[in-house]
Amino acid sequence: MGAIILCEFPLSELADAIAARSWVLERVALLAMKGEAELKFVGTVRSARGRPACETIAIRVADVAGAEAIVTRWRSKARFFDDTTLRVLRIAPVPHADLPVPLIP
């Protein structure tokens, strides 16, 4: 079963956000060249009351163990991860039979 690493960081300090984004995307590119990971998306959430805007980078990995190993390695190497959230999501397959069938063709 696959996994997604979600890397979220605030955009309140633009220089730090640019450094974080560059660092993560460089690592993802290296992992992609080795066939270990794939960039899925980079998205931005607008700021809400009292919270800064944040950016999310999603990285697909073949399995949870590989994703957790990457997260552990990144946390040990990057100083900017103090303000960054790294989460591993297990991807659950959804059989087509479980999807709702449209009522109108």
Protein backbone atom coordinates (compact mmCIF):
# COMPACT_ATOMS: atom_id res chain seq x y z
CA MET A 1 0.00 0.00 0.00
CA GLY A 2 1.34 3.44 -0.89
CA ALA A 3 1.78 6.52 1.24
CA ILE A 4 1.74 10.30 0.89
CA ILE A 5 4.07 12.61 2.78
CA LEU A 6 2.42 15.96 3.48
CA CYS A 7 4.92 18.72 4.17
CA GLU A 8 3.23 21.90 5.41
CA PHE A 9 4.94 25.16 6.31
CA PRO A 10 3.74 28.70 7.03
CA LEU A 11 4.29 31.46 4.50
CA SER A 12 4.58 34.13 7.21
CA GLU A 13 8.36 34.37 6.74
CA LEU A 14 8.71 34.38 2.96
CA ALA A 15 12.48 33.78 2.91
CA ASP A 16 12.11 30.73 5.17
CA ALA A 17 9.19 29.45 3.08
CA ILE A 18 11.20 29.77 -0.14
CA ALA A 19 14.13 27.96 1.49
CA ALA A 20 11.85 25.19 2.80
CA ARG A 21 10.13 24.75 -0.56
CA SER A 22 13.45 24.61 -2.42
CA TRP A 23 14.95 22.15 0.07
CA VAL A 24 11.96 19.79 -0.13
CA LEU A 25 11.64 19.96 -3.93
CA GLU A 26 15.37 19.26 -4.37
CA ARG A 27 15.03 16.15 -2.17
CA VAL A 28 11.92 15.01 -4.02
CA ALA A 29 13.72 15.41 -7.37
CA LEU A 30 16.57 13.21 -6.10
CA LEU A 31 14.12 10.60 -4.80
CA ALA A 32 12.19 10.69 -8.09
CA MET A 33 15.37 10.07 -10.10
CA LYS A 34 15.93 6.93 -7.99
CA GLY A 35 12.29 5.88 -8.44
CA GLU A 36 11.58 6.21 -4.70
CA ALA A 37 9.06 9.06 -4.71
CA GLU A 38 6.91 11.27 -6.91
CA LEU A 39 5.79 14.87 -6.45
CA LYS A 40 1.97 14.94 -6.45
CA PHE A 41 1.19 18.62 -5.86
CA VAL A 42 2.19 21.90 -4.28
CA GLY A 43 -0.73 23.90 -2.92
CA THR A 44 -1.33 27.02 -0.87
CA VAL A 45 -4.00 27.57 1.75
CA ARG A 46 -5.04 31.18 2.23
CA SER A 47 -4.70 32.62 5.70
CA ALA A 48 -7.57 32.21 8.13
CA ARG A 49 -8.32 34.33 11.16
CA GLY A 50 -5.19 34.56 13.24
CA ARG A 51 -3.31 31.99 11.15
CA PRO A 52 -0.76 32.62 8.40
CA ALA A 53 -1.15 31.21 4.92
CA CYS A 54 0.59 27.89 4.48
CA GLU A 55 1.97 25.81 1.66
CA THR A 56 1.58 22.06 1.34
CA ILE A 57 3.76 19.75 -0.71
CA ALA A 58 2.51 16.20 -1.30
CA ILE A 59 4.95 13.43 -2.14
CA ARG A 60 3.86 9.90 -3.12
CA VAL A 61 6.00 7.03 -1.80
CA ALA A 62 5.60 3.31 -2.50
CA ASP A 63 4.96 2.31 1.11
CA VAL A 64 4.49 3.66 4.63
CA ALA A 65 7.85 2.37 5.88
CA GLY A 66 9.65 4.21 3.07
CA ALA A 67 7.70 7.40 3.77
CA GLU A 68 8.46 7.23 7.50
CA ALA A 69 12.16 6.66 6.76
CA ILE A 70 12.22 9.75 4.52
CA VAL A 71 10.46 11.87 7.17
CA THR A 72 12.90 10.70 9.86
CA ARG A 73 15.88 11.47 7.62
CA TRP A 74 14.53 14.92 6.72
CA ARG A 75 13.77 15.84 10.32
CA SER A 76 17.33 15.01 11.34
CA LYS A 77 18.87 17.19 8.61
CA ALA A 78 16.77 20.32 8.24
CA ARG A 79 16.87 23.21 10.68
CA PHE A 80 13.74 24.88 9.26
CA PHE A 81 11.49 21.95 10.13
CA ASP A 82 10.76 23.54 13.49
CA ASP A 83 7.87 25.42 11.83
CA THR A 84 7.09 22.63 9.36
CA THR A 85 4.63 19.80 9.79
CA LEU A 86 5.51 16.47 8.19
CA ARG A 87 2.78 13.81 8.13
CA VAL A 88 2.58 10.39 6.56
CA LEU A 89 -0.78 9.31 5.18
CA ARG A 90 -1.42 5.69 4.24
CA ILE A 91 -3.22 5.42 0.92
CA ALA A 92 -6.23 3.11 1.12
CA PRO A 93 -7.49 1.60 -2.12
CA VAL A 94 -11.12 2.33 -2.94
CA PRO A 95 -12.70 -0.40 -5.06
CA HIS A 96 -14.86 0.86 -7.89
CA ALA A 97 -17.78 -1.18 -6.56
CA ASP A 98 -17.85 1.07 -3.45
CA LEU A 99 -18.24 4.26 -5.49
CA PRO A 100 -21.72 5.72 -5.84
CA VAL A 101 -23.38 5.00 -9.16
CA PRO A 102 -24.72 8.07 -10.97
CA LEU A 103 -28.50 8.08 -11.21
CA ILE A 104 -28.54 9.83 -14.56
CA PRO A 105 -26.30 8.45 -17.33
